[in-house]
């Protein structure tokens, strides 16, 4: 893990972070082949890739009874946790609902019509681990928005369904689920096959092949975002508990070797304490080898002179998760401009937001928090402008239309108002 004090070293570190992208030509070539195969051969190609990668030839669609039966295999504690999370996530996202609106100027009526998307596809990773929280976070906002059709794709290695994922799907009442994963699942949802109807938007995280596929089908359908490796940046002063700071850095480092964990502090004393805590806590982690590699490659402690400088660094990096462990964290909030989610105070670790707080855990990564937002209800609606003009309003607006259209050389545009002025 790097200790950074110098501005030039910091700039070099930021460039290293920015290189963690999904733009790998070889992977793009492989994904393009899969996309084209699915587009051309539909279910036939889908079955072939599923047998190749997931090692089974089971029917693509998973029946409701099969999901409900598998969901019964979970413990009561797990079921209660899912229900608890579902209720909080739904309550938060209901606050995001927007309404259509309009206003009137004489006989001119202007407004905006907000409608839900008709059909959405959600991808739920299911290779190395199961992610029921991803089911909740990606589907609940769509349901709150009023999306009528939600199709879910989840990979099932060797045909095995994950009972906890099934329980999450059952709790949400999802009826359309397919046992497919990878780039082929993204292709199926984007282009449609004999079994899977084309969607309007695809959401959900995945590995590099899934992310690349989403990037390549964008335009054919909408997507939520192209999520990169997980990241956390913690701003802390000497009031911070070093055990808390170390634990929260490791919570991201265990994701994978490309994950990024950064501490920015004005306290040299905290730096030494956090380093010791990381060493101590690593010994107890089942995924210690992954966390060590992550910290080695993309871990850093940045020492600054002031908390103002710490905020400037956070804004430059624009992290997915930004924790503030200072004596008065609210005081820094106006200075923090770029972050996927901001966690204030000693008792707000990032996993609180991952699972049960309520806000969405699908967040912009790799600096895209400068212009992207967390997944929300607003991602599952479309907006249409509404314009109605009466005769008086037409007479008010027409002369300006004629001037501007003529100026741009669009004489047929100008003529649309001329012909109405003569009737």
Protein backbone atom coordinates (compact mmCIF):
# COMPACT_ATOMS: atom_id res chain seq x y z
CA UNK A 1 0.00 0.00 0.00
CA UNK A 2 1.37 3.37 -1.04
CA UNK A 3 1.93 6.26 1.37
CA UNK A 4 1.51 9.47 -0.65
CA UNK A 5 2.59 12.94 0.42
CA UNK A 6 3.85 14.39 -2.87
CA UNK A 7 1.52 15.97 -5.46
CA UNK A 8 3.28 14.34 -8.43
CA UNK A 9 3.04 10.88 -6.87
CA UNK A 10 -0.67 11.52 -6.24
CA UNK A 11 -1.22 12.48 -9.89
CA UNK A 12 0.58 9.31 -10.98
CA UNK A 13 -1.63 7.25 -8.65
CA UNK A 14 -4.81 8.84 -10.06
CA UNK A 15 -3.70 7.97 -13.60
CA UNK A 16 -3.17 4.38 -12.48
CA UNK A 17 -6.73 4.29 -11.12
CA UNK A 18 -8.12 5.67 -14.36
CA UNK A 19 -6.52 2.85 -16.35
CA UNK A 20 -8.75 0.28 -14.63
CA UNK A 21 -11.23 0.17 -17.50
CA UNK A 22 -13.18 -2.38 -19.49
CA UNK A 23 -11.72 -1.32 -22.83
CA UNK A 24 -9.69 -4.41 -23.68
CA UNK A 25 -9.65 -5.12 -27.45
CA UNK A 26 -9.32 -8.91 -27.09
CA UNK A 27 -12.29 -9.11 -24.74
CA UNK A 28 -14.32 -6.79 -26.96
CA UNK A 29 -13.64 -9.06 -29.94
CA UNK A 30 -14.80 -12.13 -27.99
CA UNK A 31 -17.91 -10.37 -26.76
CA UNK A 32 -18.79 -9.08 -30.23
CA UNK A 33 -18.71 -12.66 -31.52
CA UNK A 34 -21.11 -13.77 -28.78
CA UNK A 35 -23.43 -10.83 -29.42
CA UNK A 36 -23.52 -11.53 -33.15
CA UNK A 37 -24.15 -15.25 -32.58
CA UNK A 38 -27.12 -14.57 -30.31
CA UNK A 39 -28.48 -11.92 -32.67
CA UNK A 40 -28.27 -14.35 -35.60
CA UNK A 41 -29.16 -17.71 -34.03
CA UNK A 42 -31.19 -16.80 -30.92
CA UNK A 43 -32.02 -19.68 -28.57
CA UNK A 44 -29.78 -22.12 -30.43
CA UNK A 45 -26.68 -20.02 -29.77
CA UNK A 46 -27.87 -19.22 -26.25
CA UNK A 47 -28.13 -22.93 -25.41
CA UNK A 48 -24.68 -23.56 -26.87
CA UNK A 49 -23.00 -20.86 -24.77
CA UNK A 50 -24.88 -21.92 -21.64
CA UNK A 51 -23.66 -25.49 -22.06
CA UNK A 52 -20.11 -24.25 -22.70
CA UNK A 53 -19.85 -21.83 -19.78
CA UNK A 54 -22.39 -23.04 -17.20
CA UNK A 55 -22.16 -26.77 -18.00
CA UNK A 56 -25.87 -27.55 -18.31
CA UNK A 57 -28.59 -27.99 -20.93
CA UNK A 58 -31.61 -27.22 -18.76
CA UNK A 59 -34.54 -25.16 -20.10
CA UNK A 60 -33.65 -21.47 -20.32
CA UNK A 61 -36.70 -20.30 -18.41
CA UNK A 62 -37.02 -21.08 -14.70
CA UNK A 63 -40.58 -21.77 -13.57
CA UNK A 64 -42.18 -19.92 -10.68
CA UNK A 65 -42.71 -23.17 -8.76
CA UNK A 66 -39.02 -24.06 -9.07
CA UNK A 67 -38.00 -20.66 -7.70
CA UNK A 68 -40.44 -20.85 -4.78
CA UNK A 69 -39.38 -24.41 -3.95
CA UNK A 70 -35.69 -23.45 -3.88
CA UNK A 71 -36.45 -20.33 -1.83
CA UNK A 72 -37.73 -22.53 1.00
CA UNK A 73 -34.19 -23.82 1.58
CA UNK A 74 -33.07 -20.64 3.34
CA UNK A 75 -33.08 -20.07 7.10
CA UNK A 76 -35.58 -17.86 8.88
CA UNK A 77 -32.83 -15.37 9.80
CA UNK A 78 -31.85 -14.93 6.13
CA UNK A 79 -35.49 -14.56 5.07
CA UNK A 80 -36.11 -11.93 7.76
CA UNK A 81 -32.97 -10.02 6.68
CA UNK A 82 -34.20 -9.96 3.07
CA UNK A 83 -37.63 -8.72 4.13
CA UNK A 84 -36.04 -6.04 6.35
CA UNK A 85 -33.82 -4.84 3.49
CA UNK A 86 -36.66 -4.95 0.93
CA UNK A 87 -38.89 -2.73 3.05
CA UNK A 88 -36.19 -0.12 3.65
CA UNK A 89 -35.02 -0.04 0.02
CA UNK A 90 -38.61 0.32 -1.23
CA UNK A 91 -39.38 3.09 1.28
CA UNK A 92 -36.33 5.09 0.19
CA UNK A 93 -37.01 4.72 -3.54
CA UNK A 94 -40.66 5.71 -3.18
CA UNK A 95 -39.34 9.18 -2.24
CA UNK A 96 -37.83 9.44 -5.74
CA UNK A 97 -41.11 9.19 -7.64
CA UNK A 98 -41.70 12.08 -10.07
CA UNK A 99 -45.03 13.31 -11.41
CA UNK A 100 -46.02 14.65 -14.80
CA UNK A 101 -46.54 18.43 -14.77
CA UNK A 102 -47.80 21.28 -16.94
CA UNK A 103 -48.39 25.02 -16.85
CA UNK A 104 -50.39 27.47 -18.94
CA UNK A 105 -49.70 30.83 -20.60
CA UNK A 106 -53.00 32.00 -22.04
CA UNK A 107 -53.91 29.34 -24.60
CA UNK A 108 -50.39 27.86 -24.60
CA UNK A 109 -50.05 24.69 -22.53
CA UNK A 110 -46.58 23.27 -21.84
CA UNK A 111 -45.50 20.36 -19.71
CA UNK A 112 -43.73 17.06 -19.29
CA UNK A 113 -45.26 13.58 -19.24
CA UNK A 114 -43.42 10.99 -17.14
CA UNK A 115 -44.11 7.34 -17.88
CA UNK A 116 -42.41 4.09 -16.76
CA UNK A 117 -40.44 2.00 -19.24
CA UNK A 118 -42.47 -0.94 -20.55
CA UNK A 119 -39.89 -3.71 -20.18
CA UNK A 120 -36.60 -3.98 -18.28
CA UNK A 121 -33.95 -6.69 -18.03
CA UNK A 122 -32.01 -7.19 -14.80
CA UNK A 123 -28.74 -9.11 -14.68
CA UNK A 124 -27.86 -10.80 -11.38
CA UNK A 125 -24.31 -12.19 -11.08
CA UNK A 126 -24.21 -15.81 -9.97
CA UNK A 127 -20.83 -17.27 -10.81
CA UNK A 128 -18.38 -17.19 -7.90
CA UNK A 129 -20.92 -15.94 -5.36
CA UNK A 130 -24.59 -15.09 -4.92
CA UNK A 131 -25.88 -11.54 -4.65
CA UNK A 132 -29.47 -11.34 -3.38
CA UNK A 133 -28.86 -7.68 -2.52
CA UNK A 134 -28.34 -7.05 -6.25
CA UNK A 135 -31.80 -8.52 -6.90
CA UNK A 136 -33.36 -6.06 -4.44
CA UNK A 137 -31.37 -3.01 -5.51
CA UNK A 138 -31.92 -3.42 -9.24
CA UNK A 139 -35.54 -4.53 -9.28
CA UNK A 140 -37.22 -2.49 -6.53
CA UNK A 141 -36.65 0.91 -8.24
CA UNK A 142 -38.14 -0.50 -11.45
CA UNK A 143 -41.19 -1.75 -9.56
CA UNK A 144 -41.61 1.60 -7.80
CA UNK A 145 -41.39 3.36 -11.17
CA UNK A 146 -44.22 1.18 -12.45
CA UNK A 147 -42.37 -1.00 -14.97
CA UNK A 148 -44.84 -3.71 -16.08
CA UNK A 149 -42.42 -6.37 -17.35
CA UNK A 150 -39.17 -7.28 -15.58
CA UNK A 151 -37.03 -10.12 -16.95
CA UNK A 152 -34.17 -11.45 -14.83
CA UNK A 153 -31.12 -13.34 -16.05
CA UNK A 154 -28.97 -15.22 -13.56
CA UNK A 155 -26.17 -17.67 -14.38
CA UNK A 156 -26.54 -21.11 -12.78
CA UNK A 157 -23.22 -23.02 -12.89
CA UNK A 158 -23.96 -26.73 -13.35
CA UNK A 159 -27.64 -25.81 -13.38
CA UNK A 160 -27.68 -25.04 -9.65
CA UNK A 161 -30.03 -22.29 -8.49
CA UNK A 162 -28.98 -20.24 -5.49
CA UNK A 163 -31.71 -20.46 -2.82
CA UNK A 164 -31.08 -16.97 -1.41
CA UNK A 165 -31.31 -15.36 -4.85
CA UNK A 166 -34.50 -17.36 -5.41
CA UNK A 167 -35.88 -16.09 -2.09
CA UNK A 168 -35.18 -12.48 -3.09
CA UNK A 169 -36.90 -13.03 -6.46
CA UNK A 170 -39.86 -14.66 -4.72
CA UNK A 171 -40.23 -11.82 -2.22
CA UNK A 172 -40.39 -9.34 -5.11
CA UNK A 173 -42.88 -11.47 -7.02
CA UNK A 174 -40.69 -11.84 -10.12
CA UNK A 175 -42.14 -14.39 -12.55
CA UNK A 176 -39.84 -14.13 -15.57
CA UNK A 177 -36.40 -15.58 -14.78
CA UNK A 178 -33.83 -17.19 -17.10
CA UNK A 179 -30.84 -19.37 -16.16
CA UNK A 180 -28.32 -17.67 -18.42
CA UNK A 181 -25.33 -15.48 -17.68
CA UNK A 182 -22.40 -13.69 -19.23
CA UNK A 183 -22.35 -11.66 -22.43
CA UNK A 184 -24.88 -14.08 -23.93
CA UNK A 185 -27.50 -13.03 -21.37
CA UNK A 186 -26.94 -9.36 -22.21
CA UNK A 187 -27.27 -10.17 -25.92
CA UNK A 188 -30.49 -12.11 -25.38
CA UNK A 189 -32.07 -9.23 -23.48
CA UNK A 190 -30.81 -6.62 -25.94
CA UNK A 191 -31.80 -8.34 -29.19
CA UNK A 192 -34.44 -10.83 -28.09
CA UNK A 193 -34.62 -14.54 -28.95
CA UNK A 194 -37.41 -17.05 -29.55
CA UNK A 195 -37.76 -17.44 -25.77
CA UNK A 196 -36.67 -14.06 -24.40
CA UNK A 197 -38.47 -10.92 -25.50
CA UNK A 198 -36.31 -7.85 -26.18
CA UNK A 199 -36.12 -5.33 -23.32
CA UNK A 200 -35.89 -1.53 -23.33
CA UNK A 201 -33.16 -1.26 -20.70
CA UNK A 202 -30.61 -3.54 -19.02
CA UNK A 203 -29.43 -3.01 -15.45
CA UNK A 204 -27.19 -4.91 -13.07
CA UNK A 205 -23.48 -5.55 -12.50
CA UNK A 206 -21.31 -8.36 -13.81
CA UNK A 207 -17.79 -9.39 -14.76
CA UNK A 208 -15.68 -7.82 -17.49
CA UNK A 209 -17.54 -9.73 -20.23
CA UNK A 210 -20.93 -8.59 -18.96
CA UNK A 211 -19.75 -4.98 -18.62
CA UNK A 212 -18.25 -5.04 -22.12
CA UNK A 213 -21.45 -6.52 -23.55
CA UNK A 214 -23.52 -3.78 -21.93
CA UNK A 215 -21.21 -1.18 -23.39
CA UNK A 216 -21.55 -2.67 -26.89
CA UNK A 217 -25.36 -3.00 -26.89
CA UNK A 218 -25.91 0.55 -25.60
CA UNK A 219 -27.98 2.33 -28.22
CA UNK A 220 -29.81 -0.84 -29.14
CA UNK A 221 -31.15 -0.64 -25.60
CA UNK A 222 -30.46 1.66 -22.68
CA UNK A 223 -28.19 0.55 -19.82
CA UNK A 224 -27.73 1.76 -16.26
CA UNK A 225 -23.95 2.21 -16.29
CA UNK A 226 -20.71 0.34 -16.94
CA UNK A 227 -19.55 -0.51 -13.45
CA UNK A 228 -15.84 -0.93 -12.79
CA UNK A 229 -14.02 -2.38 -9.77
CA UNK A 230 -15.31 -1.36 -6.34
CA UNK A 231 -13.70 1.56 -4.53
CA UNK A 232 -13.77 3.45 -1.25
CA UNK A 233 -12.17 6.69 -0.13
CA UNK A 234 -12.15 7.60 3.57
CA UNK A 235 -11.51 11.11 4.86
CA UNK A 236 -10.42 10.92 8.51
CA UNK A 237 -8.82 13.07 11.18
CA UNK A 238 -7.26 12.13 14.52
CA UNK A 239 -10.73 11.57 16.05
CA UNK A 240 -11.26 8.50 13.84
CA UNK A 241 -11.05 5.01 15.27
CA UNK A 242 -8.21 3.27 13.37
CA UNK A 243 -9.90 -0.13 13.71
CA UNK A 244 -12.99 1.27 11.97
CA UNK A 245 -10.94 2.85 9.19
CA UNK A 246 -8.94 -0.34 8.57
CA UNK A 247 -12.07 -2.51 8.57
CA UNK A 248 -13.80 -0.26 6.04
CA UNK A 249 -10.78 -0.19 3.73
CA UNK A 250 -10.63 -3.99 3.83
CA UNK A 251 -14.35 -4.24 3.10
CA UNK A 252 -13.62 -3.02 -0.40
CA UNK A 253 -10.23 -4.68 -0.81
CA UNK A 254 -11.78 -8.14 -0.40
CA UNK A 255 -13.99 -7.64 -3.49
CA UNK A 256 -11.21 -8.36 -5.99
CA UNK A 257 -7.61 -7.56 -6.85
CA UNK A 258 -8.67 -4.48 -8.83
CA UNK A 259 -10.63 -2.90 -5.97
CA UNK A 260 -9.40 0.42 -4.64
CA UNK A 261 -9.14 1.47 -0.96
CA UNK A 262 -7.86 4.95 -0.06
CA UNK A 263 -7.43 6.80 3.23
CA UNK A 264 -6.95 10.58 3.10
CA UNK A 265 -5.94 12.09 6.44
CA UNK A 266 -4.20 15.02 8.11
CA UNK A 267 -3.06 12.83 11.02
CA UNK A 268 0.32 11.05 10.86
CA UNK A 269 -0.60 9.27 14.09
CA UNK A 270 -3.71 7.79 12.46
CA UNK A 271 -1.64 6.55 9.52
CA UNK A 272 0.56 4.37 11.73
CA UNK A 273 -2.40 3.05 13.72
CA UNK A 274 -4.38 2.16 10.58
CA UNK A 275 -1.41 0.31 9.06
CA UNK A 276 -1.11 -1.81 12.21
CA UNK A 277 -4.87 -2.48 12.24
CA UNK A 278 -4.88 -3.57 8.60
CA UNK A 279 -2.09 -6.06 9.31
CA UNK A 280 -3.95 -7.37 12.36
CA UNK A 281 -7.36 -7.66 10.68
CA UNK A 282 -5.98 -9.23 7.49
CA UNK A 283 -4.96 -12.29 9.49
CA UNK A 284 -8.62 -13.01 10.24
CA UNK A 285 -10.00 -12.52 6.73
CA UNK A 286 -10.92 -15.58 4.60
CA UNK A 287 -10.18 -13.49 1.50
CA UNK A 288 -6.90 -12.10 2.84
CA UNK A 289 -4.92 -12.96 -0.30
CA UNK A 290 -7.33 -10.98 -2.51
CA UNK A 291 -7.36 -8.04 -0.08
CA UNK A 292 -3.53 -7.97 0.12
CA UNK A 293 -3.21 -7.90 -3.66
CA UNK A 294 -5.83 -5.16 -3.90
CA UNK A 295 -4.07 -3.01 -1.30
CA UNK A 296 -0.74 -3.62 -2.98
CA UNK A 297 -2.00 -2.54 -6.40
CA UNK A 298 -4.61 0.10 -5.63
CA UNK A 299 -4.41 0.85 -1.91
CA UNK A 300 -3.10 4.21 -0.69
CA UNK A 301 -2.85 6.43 2.34
CA UNK A 302 -2.67 10.07 1.29
CA UNK A 303 -1.36 12.51 3.90
CA UNK A 304 -2.64 16.09 3.60
CA UNK A 305 -2.20 19.32 5.53
CA UNK A 306 -5.91 20.11 5.91
CA UNK A 307 -9.36 18.60 5.58
CA UNK A 308 -10.06 21.14 2.83
CA UNK A 309 -7.24 19.53 0.85
CA UNK A 310 -8.69 16.10 1.63
CA UNK A 311 -12.02 17.18 0.12
CA UNK A 312 -10.26 18.44 -3.00
CA UNK A 313 -8.60 15.04 -3.42
CA UNK A 314 -11.92 13.27 -2.96
CA UNK A 315 -13.48 15.48 -5.64
CA UNK A 316 -10.62 14.68 -8.01
CA UNK A 317 -10.94 10.90 -7.54
CA UNK A 318 -14.79 10.99 -7.42
CA UNK A 319 -15.06 7.67 -5.56
CA UNK A 320 -17.91 5.19 -5.63
CA UNK A 321 -18.07 5.20 -1.81
CA UNK A 322 -16.92 8.18 0.26
CA UNK A 323 -16.75 7.88 4.04
CA UNK A 324 -16.16 10.88 6.30
CA UNK A 325 -14.80 9.98 9.74
CA UNK A 326 -14.01 13.37 11.23
CA UNK A 327 -14.97 15.19 14.39
CA UNK A 328 -17.65 17.13 12.51
CA UNK A 329 -18.41 15.28 9.26
CA UNK A 330 -21.44 17.42 8.35
CA UNK A 331 -19.14 20.45 8.17
CA UNK A 332 -17.33 18.92 5.18
CA UNK A 333 -20.47 17.98 3.26
CA UNK A 334 -20.76 21.29 1.33
CA UNK A 335 -17.16 20.79 0.10
CA UNK A 336 -17.76 17.28 -1.28
CA UNK A 337 -18.99 17.45 -4.88
CA UNK A 338 -18.17 14.11 -6.52
CA UNK A 339 -19.13 10.78 -4.95
CA UNK A 340 -21.53 7.93 -5.66
CA UNK A 341 -22.62 7.76 -2.01
CA UNK A 342 -21.44 9.70 1.04
CA UNK A 343 -21.32 8.02 4.46
CA UNK A 344 -21.07 10.41 7.42
CA UNK A 345 -19.71 9.50 10.84
CA UNK A 346 -17.99 6.66 12.68
CA UNK A 347 -21.01 4.37 12.70
CA UNK A 348 -21.88 4.54 9.00
CA UNK A 349 -19.69 1.89 7.38
CA UNK A 350 -20.15 1.42 3.63
CA UNK A 351 -21.79 -2.06 3.97
CA UNK A 352 -24.71 -0.38 5.79
CA UNK A 353 -25.44 1.23 2.42
CA UNK A 354 -24.73 -1.97 0.52
CA UNK A 355 -27.52 -3.87 2.21
CA UNK A 356 -30.11 -2.22 4.41
CA UNK A 357 -29.90 1.58 4.76
CA UNK A 358 -32.21 2.14 1.77
CA UNK A 359 -30.29 4.09 -0.91
CA UNK A 360 -29.19 2.09 -3.93
CA UNK A 361 -25.83 0.31 -3.91
CA UNK A 362 -25.50 0.42 -7.70
CA UNK A 363 -23.15 3.40 -7.89
CA UNK A 364 -20.90 5.10 -10.44
CA UNK A 365 -17.25 3.97 -10.34
CA UNK A 366 -13.90 4.92 -11.90
CA UNK A 367 -14.43 8.66 -11.48
CA UNK A 368 -17.81 8.68 -13.24
CA UNK A 369 -19.46 10.08 -10.10
CA UNK A 370 -18.48 13.42 -11.67
CA UNK A 371 -21.47 13.00 -14.01
CA UNK A 372 -23.37 9.78 -13.10
CA UNK A 373 -25.81 9.17 -10.25
CA UNK A 374 -26.78 6.09 -8.22
CA UNK A 375 -29.37 3.79 -9.78
CA UNK A 376 -32.85 5.05 -8.92
CA UNK A 377 -36.49 5.23 -9.89
CA UNK A 378 -35.56 7.99 -12.36
CA UNK A 379 -33.61 5.39 -14.37
CA UNK A 380 -36.81 3.47 -15.13
CA UNK A 381 -38.93 6.28 -16.54
CA UNK A 382 -39.00 8.16 -19.82
CA UNK A 383 -40.13 11.73 -20.35
CA UNK A 384 -42.11 13.32 -23.16
CA UNK A 385 -42.55 17.06 -23.67
CA UNK A 386 -46.13 18.29 -23.99
CA UNK A 387 -46.97 21.29 -26.21
CA UNK A 388 -50.41 22.68 -27.08
CA UNK A 389 -50.79 26.09 -28.72
CA UNK A 390 -54.05 27.92 -29.42
CA UNK A 391 -54.56 30.60 -32.06
CA UNK A 392 -53.59 33.52 -29.82
CA UNK A 393 -50.47 31.71 -28.66
CA UNK A 394 -49.62 30.84 -32.24
CA UNK A 395 -49.79 34.51 -33.24
CA UNK A 396 -47.47 35.32 -30.33
CA UNK A 397 -44.85 32.66 -31.18
CA UNK A 398 -45.02 32.46 -35.00
CA UNK A 399 -43.02 35.60 -35.94
CA UNK A 400 -40.01 34.39 -33.91
CA UNK A 401 -40.23 30.92 -35.44
CA UNK A 402 -40.20 32.45 -38.92
CA UNK A 403 -37.12 34.60 -38.17
CA UNK A 404 -35.09 31.76 -36.62
CA UNK A 405 -36.06 29.12 -39.21
CA UNK A 406 -35.19 31.46 -42.09
CA UNK A 407 -31.89 32.31 -40.38
CA UNK A 408 -30.98 28.61 -40.31
CA UNK A 409 -31.98 28.13 -43.94
CA UNK A 410 -34.91 25.86 -43.07
CA UNK A 411 -37.51 27.47 -45.29
CA UNK A 412 -40.03 24.64 -45.03
CA UNK A 413 -39.94 25.13 -41.26
CA UNK A 414 -40.71 28.82 -41.74
CA UNK A 415 -43.49 27.92 -44.15
CA UNK A 416 -45.36 25.94 -41.47
CA UNK A 417 -46.12 29.20 -39.70
CA UNK A 418 -46.62 31.22 -42.91
CA UNK A 419 -49.40 28.92 -44.16
CA UNK A 420 -51.23 29.19 -40.84
CA UNK A 421 -51.00 32.97 -40.80
CA UNK A 422 -52.86 33.12 -44.12
CA UNK A 423 -55.82 30.95 -43.06
